[in-house]
C-alpha atoms as a PDB file:
ATOM      1  CA  MET A   1     106.022  49.618 100.172  1.00  0.00           C
ATOM      2  CA  PRO A   2     108.709  50.171  97.941  1.00  0.00           C
ATOM      3  CA  THR A   3     111.844  52.174  98.551  1.00  0.00           C
ATOM      4  CA  ILE A   4     114.010  54.200  96.583  1.00  0.00           C
ATOM      5  CA  PRO A   5     116.831  55.942  97.056  1.00  0.00           C
ATOM      6  CA  LEU A   6     117.430  59.660  97.180  1.00  0.00           C
ATOM      7  CA  HIS A   7     120.983  61.266  96.080  1.00  0.00           C
ATOM      8  CA  THR A   8     122.200  64.771  95.591  1.00  0.00           C
ATOM      9  CA  SER A   9     123.411  65.514  92.509  1.00  0.00           C
ATOM     10  CA  PRO A  10     127.276  65.778  91.551  1.00  0.00           C
ATOM     11  CA  ALA A  11     128.395  69.340  92.767  1.00  0.00           C
ATOM     12  CA  GLN A  12     127.299  71.859  89.714  1.00  0.00           C
ATOM     13  CA  ALA A  13     129.718  75.249  88.941  1.00  0.00           C
ATOM     14  CA  ALA A  14     128.478  78.250  90.358  1.00  0.00           C
ATOM     15  CA  VAL A  15     126.422  80.513  87.813  1.00  0.00           C
ATOM     16  CA  THR A  16     128.379  82.812  86.077  1.00  0.00           C
ATOM     17  CA  ASN A  17     126.749  82.599  82.398  1.00  0.00           C
ATOM     18  CA  PRO A  18     126.940  86.228  80.855  1.00  0.00           C
ATOM     19  CA  THR A  19     124.390  85.430  78.283  1.00  0.00           C
ATOM     20  CA  ASN A  20     120.994  84.241  80.668  1.00  0.00           C
ATOM     21  CA  PRO A  21     119.326  87.165  80.997  1.00  0.00           C
ATOM     22  CA  LEU A  22     117.354  86.271  84.086  1.00  0.00           C
ATOM     23  CA  PRO A  23     118.802  88.117  87.267  1.00  0.00           C
ATOM     24  CA  GLN A  24     121.626  86.452  89.153  1.00  0.00           C
ATOM     25  CA  LEU A  25     119.125  85.210  92.033  1.00  0.00           C
ATOM     26  CA  LEU A  26     117.231  83.736  89.667  1.00  0.00           C
ATOM     27  CA  GLN A  27     119.995  81.714  87.667  1.00  0.00           C
ATOM     28  CA  THR A  28     120.115  78.182  88.086  1.00  0.00           C
ATOM     29  CA  PRO A  29     122.513  75.788  86.777  1.00  0.00           C
ATOM     30  CA  SER A  30     119.538  73.665  85.292  1.00  0.00           C
ATOM     31  CA  GLY A  31     118.279  77.257  84.365  1.00  0.00           C
ATOM     32  CA  LEU A  32     114.630  76.277  86.262  1.00  0.00           C
ATOM     33  CA  ALA A  33     112.400  79.021  87.468  1.00  0.00           C
ATOM     34  CA  ILE A  34     108.382  78.943  88.893  1.00  0.00           C
ATOM     35  CA  LEU A  35     106.175  81.346  87.205  1.00  0.00           C
ATOM     36  CA  GLU A  36     103.089  81.166  89.237  1.00  0.00           C
ATOM     37  CA  ILE A  37     100.055  82.944  87.094  1.00  0.00           C
ATOM     38  CA  GLN A  38      96.534  83.471  88.850  1.00  0.00           C
ATOM     39  CA  GLY A  39      94.727  82.403  86.069  1.00  0.00           C
ATOM     40  CA  SER A  40      94.985  80.863  82.857  1.00  0.00           C
ATOM     41  CA  ILE A  41      96.680  81.591  79.380  1.00  0.00           C
ATOM     42  CA  ASN A  42      94.739  80.815  75.979  1.00  0.00           C
ATOM     43  CA  LEU A  43      97.420  79.707  73.803  1.00  0.00           C
ATOM     44  CA  PRO A  44      97.243  78.368  70.085  1.00  0.00           C
ATOM     45  CA  ALA A  45      97.764  75.059  69.175  1.00  0.00           C
ATOM     46  CA  ALA A  46     101.167  73.602  68.556  1.00  0.00           C
ATOM     47  CA  SER A  47     101.945  72.661  64.822  1.00  0.00           C
ATOM     48  CA  PRO A  48     103.404  69.534  64.171  1.00  0.00           C
ATOM     49  CA  SER A  49     106.122  71.809  62.477  1.00  0.00           C
ATOM     50  CA  SER A  50     107.209  73.383  65.596  1.00  0.00           C
ATOM     51  CA  PRO A  51     105.700  71.934  68.804  1.00  0.00           C
ATOM     52  CA  THR A  52     106.865  74.136  71.150  1.00  0.00           C
ATOM     53  CA  ILE A  53     104.566  77.497  71.619  1.00  0.00           C
ATOM     54  CA  SER A  54     105.729  80.479  72.724  1.00  0.00           C
ATOM     55  CA  ILE A  55     104.031  82.158  75.854  1.00  0.00           C
ATOM     56  CA  GLY A  56     105.818  85.245  75.609  1.00  0.00           C
ATOM     57  CA  ARG A  57     108.795  87.143  77.470  1.00  0.00           C
ATOM     58  CA  LEU A  58     110.301  88.169  81.000  1.00  0.00           C
ATOM     59  CA  VAL A  59     111.261  91.584  81.351  1.00  0.00           C
ATOM     60  CA  PHE A  60     112.920  92.580  84.812  1.00  0.00           C
ATOM     61  CA  PRO A  61     112.938  96.259  83.883  1.00  0.00           C
ATOM     62  CA  ASP A  62     114.019  97.684  87.145  1.00  0.00           C
ATOM     63  CA  HIS A  63     117.200  94.955  86.600  1.00  0.00           C
ATOM     64  CA  THR A  64     120.656  96.173  85.955  1.00  0.00           C
ATOM     65  CA  ALA A  65     123.922  93.845  84.775  1.00  0.00           C
ATOM     66  CA  GLY A  66     126.894  93.988  86.758  1.00  0.00           C
ATOM     67  CA  GLY A  67     124.811  95.363  89.782  1.00  0.00           C
ATOM     68  CA  SER A  68     124.888  95.064  93.312  1.00  0.00           C
ATOM     69  CA  PRO A  69     123.640  91.445  94.603  1.00  0.00           C
ATOM     70  CA  GLU A  70     122.609  93.032  97.630  1.00  0.00           C
ATOM     71  CA  ASN A  71     120.342  95.328  95.937  1.00  0.00           C
ATOM     72  CA  LYS A  72     116.628  93.461  95.765  1.00  0.00           C
ATOM     73  CA  SER A  73     114.806  96.403  94.381  1.00  0.00           C
ATOM     74  CA  TRP A  74     114.215  94.429  90.854  1.00  0.00           C
ATOM     75  CA  MET A  75     112.199  91.686  92.512  1.00  0.00           C
ATOM     76  CA  LYS A  76     109.671  94.122  92.965  1.00  0.00           C
ATOM     77  CA  ARG A  77     108.401  94.699  89.349  1.00  0.00           C
ATOM     78  CA  VAL A  78     108.816  92.137  86.225  1.00  0.00           C
ATOM     79  CA  HIS A  79     106.789  91.637  83.058  1.00  0.00           C
ATOM     80  CA  LEU A  80     105.678  88.839  81.377  1.00  0.00           C
ATOM     81  CA  TYR A  81     104.206  89.934  77.655  1.00  0.00           C
ATOM     82  CA  VAL A  82     101.745  87.708  76.566  1.00  0.00           C
ATOM     83  CA  GLY A  83     101.552  87.876  72.540  1.00  0.00           C
ATOM     84  CA  GLN A  84     101.643  91.100  71.354  1.00  0.00           C
ATOM     85  CA  HIS A  85      98.771  92.780  73.064  1.00  0.00           C
ATOM     86  CA  GLN A  86      98.730  92.050  76.897  1.00  0.00           C
ATOM     87  CA  ARG A  87     101.155  92.520  79.601  1.00  0.00           C
ATOM     88  CA  LEU A  88     100.898  91.064  82.929  1.00  0.00           C
ATOM     89  CA  THR A  89     102.983  92.556  86.029  1.00  0.00           C
ATOM     90  CA  GLY A  90     104.452  90.711  88.643  1.00  0.00           C
ATOM     91  CA  GLU A  91     107.086  90.366  91.830  1.00  0.00           C
ATOM     92  CA  VAL A  92     109.765  87.646  92.582  1.00  0.00           C
ATOM     93  CA  LYS A  93     108.843  85.987  96.154  1.00  0.00           C
ATOM     94  CA  LYS A  94     111.295  84.078  97.772  1.00  0.00           C
ATOM     95  CA  LEU A  95     109.349  80.759  98.947  1.00  0.00           C
ATOM     96  CA  PRO A  96     108.611  80.087 102.317  1.00  0.00           C
ATOM     97  CA  ASN A  97     109.760  76.413 101.890  1.00  0.00           C
ATOM     98  CA  PRO A  98     112.138  75.652  99.043  1.00  0.00           C
ATOM     99  CA  VAL A  99     110.844  73.149  96.404  1.00  0.00           C
ATOM    100  CA  ALA A 100     113.343  70.388  95.439  1.00  0.00           C
ATOM    101  CA  VAL A 101     113.153  69.139  92.163  1.00  0.00           C
ATOM    102  CA  ILE A 102     114.016  65.162  91.718  1.00  0.00           C
ATOM    103  CA  ARG A 103     114.748  63.277  88.581  1.00  0.00           C
ATOM    104  CA  LYS A 104     115.305  59.630  87.756  1.00  0.00           C
ATOM    105  CA  ARG A 105     119.063  58.858  87.961  1.00  0.00           C
ATOM    106  CA  ASP A 106     120.308  57.575  85.354  1.00  0.00           C
ATOM    107  CA  SER A 107     121.872  53.932  85.442  1.00  0.00           C
ATOM    108  CA  GLY A 108     123.909  53.944  82.038  1.00  0.00           C
ATOM    109  CA  GLU A 109     121.683  50.580  81.030  1.00  0.00           C
ATOM    110  CA  ALA A 110     118.486  50.198  79.419  1.00  0.00           C
ATOM    111  CA  THR A 111     116.352  48.617  82.197  1.00  0.00           C
ATOM    112  CA  ALA A 112     113.063  49.148  83.953  1.00  0.00           C
ATOM    113  CA  GLU A 113     114.737  48.897  87.351  1.00  0.00           C
ATOM    114  CA  VAL A 114     114.574  52.234  89.356  1.00  0.00           C
ATOM    115  CA  VAL A 115     118.025  52.825  90.598  1.00  0.00           C
ATOM    116  CA  GLY A 116     117.336  55.653  92.567  1.00  0.00           C
ATOM    117  CA  LEU A 117     116.231  59.631  92.480  1.00  0.00           C
ATOM    118  CA  GLU A 118     118.167  62.736  92.421  1.00  0.00           C
ATOM    119  CA  ILE A 119     117.812  65.809  93.656  1.00  0.00           C
ATOM    120  CA  ALA A 120     118.329  68.217  90.274  1.00  0.00           C
ATOM    121  CA  GLU A 121     117.743  71.593  91.977  1.00  0.00           C
ATOM    122  CA  ILE A 122     116.593  73.742  94.859  1.00  0.00           C
ATOM    123  CA  VAL A 123     114.131  76.439  94.128  1.00  0.00           C
ATOM    124  CA  TYR A 124     114.059  79.342  96.688  1.00  0.00           C
ATOM    125  CA  TYR A 125     112.255  82.213  94.441  1.00  0.00           C
ATOM    126  CA  LYS A 126     109.199  82.123  92.293  1.00  0.00           C
ATOM    127  CA  VAL A 127     108.038  84.879  89.745  1.00  0.00           C
ATOM    128  CA  ILE A 128     104.299  85.493  90.747  1.00  0.00           C
ATOM    129  CA  PHE A 129     101.805  87.304  88.796  1.00  0.00           C
ATOM    130  CA  SER A 130      98.571  87.828  90.748  1.00  0.00           C
ATOM    131  CA  SER A 131      97.485  91.167  88.885  1.00  0.00           C
ATOM    132  CA  ARG A 132      94.710  90.963  85.882  1.00  0.00           C
ATOM    133  CA  PRO A 133      96.693  91.725  81.972  1.00  0.00           C
ATOM    134  CA  GLU A 134      96.869  94.641  80.906  1.00  0.00           C
ATOM    135  CA  PRO A 135      96.823  96.118  77.495  1.00  0.00           C
ATOM    136  CA  VAL A 136      99.750  97.024  75.337  1.00  0.00           C
ATOM    137  CA  GLY A 137      99.689  98.838  72.196  1.00  0.00           C
ATOM    138  CA  THR A 138     102.297  97.916  69.487  1.00  0.00           C
END
C-alpha cells in the first residue's frame, strides 16, 4: 500500500480583503466555500470563446460591511440568483466536522513522482439552499 506524506500549507496571512464581497466568516485565503444545492441547475453549454459559465450571484441581504464579527444574524438569509428569473433562498451553516481541502504538493520539477499532499484550506461553513427556486421579475 503506497504512503503519501501530508503537510500543512505555509502560514497564510489573515484575510483582510476589503474588496471581497463575502462576509468575513466566509472569506478564506484561497477563496473556497461550499455551496449545497438540493437539486440541479440547468446551465447553458460553454462556448469555446468562454469556457466558464456564470451560474449566478450570491447576495447576503442582512450583512453590513464593518459590522460586529460576533453578530451572526446575517447567516440566516442568503440569496443565490440564477439567471435573471430565479432566486434560491438559503442560509449559512457551520459544518459538524470541518472539511480539509488537499492538493498535490509542488516539487518544482517536471517528474511524475508524488512528493506529497498539503492542506490547502480548512472549511468550517457551508451555504445551503434547500428550498425550491422563487420566480423573480426583471
